Amino acid sequence: MRSPDGHVLVRRRLVPLALNWLAFGTCYPLANLLAHRQQVRRSLATALDAAIPFLPWAIVPYASSGLLFTLVFFLVRSNEALRTASRRLLLATVAGCLLFAALPARSSMARPADIGGWPAPLFAWLDLVDRPYNQCPSLHVAYCVIVWLAWKPLCHGALRWLLAAWLMLVAASTVLTWQHHLVDVAGGLLLGLGAAWAVRPGATRRHGVSFYYGIAAGVLLLVGVAFLRSWVAACAAASLLLVALAYRRRHAGFLGKRAGRHPLSSWLLFWPYLAGYRLTWLLVRRRERGRAPFSRQAPGLWVGRRLDAREAALLPRGCHVVDLCGELPETAALRQARYHHFPLLDLQAPRPSQLRPVLATLARLEAEGHPVYLHCAMGYSRSRLVSRLHLRRKRRCPSRSTS
């Protein structure tokens, strides 16, 4: 969604903003709580930290980090820049909080108790929302790196120098307020650069699904493993990481579905993924119970979602089934000699090499005069895409469909 001048519309920016604040609001306090529950005493202070003065006014740049975090989502100018900045921030948040949980530490310096004047309410707010834990890496510093990379192309001349100076001041404020140590600043710098390296501009569409499965695994590790101490959560997190890897490699057949069924090994390795799709399919069936489960797209071609036994009986007699879904087992009534399976990854554009055998099979079955039911899991994307490509090819090469 873009406005006429090419800028991303405001409503398109709100979803990644809400997702990032949700991740931060869940993971950061939880990491703090974990350290507090363990009564962590470890400190990463060095001899140089003892020489750093406490400057009450530094609370202003320190507190501005939340505003900078939010403004990123509204000031970038393209969908790609928005996706890049959003995912870098999300990755920094989740990875940073996992490091807080794995290597908890606390600040070794206690701020003066008699802070007076106008900074006093800001420090009272800081003491209310934060604890002296979550030290290395400093998320303030990581966010500064990501904000700089997002805004640098938008600023020129004096404005760019002003932005750089303010971000450096924000990074320095983490030690000038005695909230962090120098090691934390270095760790935050590395985290920000690492997030920028991992999320490259121009690759966000290709790796979106993989990224979010990885983030989900990270959050599950923090909530389910570190906090709840659940071995089930540990298995689920490992499973989601395997799904993320499969999507990263664009391995459409990673579930090993054969003859319409999943082997036991697939259920053992990917049970959260498979169960999630099963539940989603049930919810879609319930929501669309008043609608036809499939529709006729062309003579001899029907397209829709995975059917149950009752719905499968509504298909034309002698219908061939072309199944694009790897996540759900095929209905038993359709697992017969006229069943063809070509798994395609959901929510990710297929490669041409994955589409060619599907389109060739559709053309052959049509040429032989067989009715065909083409379906994916929910009937929303993959089956519709392949149907459009098949009909487009048929219009371009009508002789193939009649030969």
Foldseek 3Di string as FASTA:
>chain_A
DADPVQFDDPVVLVVLLVVLVVLLVQLVVLLQVLCVVVVAAAAPADPVLVVAAADLVLLVLQVCLVVLSNCLSVPFGHPLLNLLLSLLSLQLSLVLSVVCLVDKHFQPDDDDPPDDDPSVVSVVVCVVPGHRISEAADLLLLNLLSSLVSCVVVDDDPRNVVSVVSSVSNLVSCSNNSSYHPNNSVRSPVSNVVSDVVRDRPCCQQLVVLSVLLSVLSSLCSPVCSPVVDVVSVLQSQLSNVVSVCSVVQPQCPQVDDLQDGDPVSCSRNVVQLVVLVVVLVVLCVVQVVDQQWADPDVLEIFGAQDEPVSVVPDDPQEAEEEQEPRHGHHPVRSDPSYHYQHGDPSHDHDPVSLVVVLVVVLVCLCVPHRYYYYYHGRDPDSVVSSVVNVVVCVVPVVSNPD
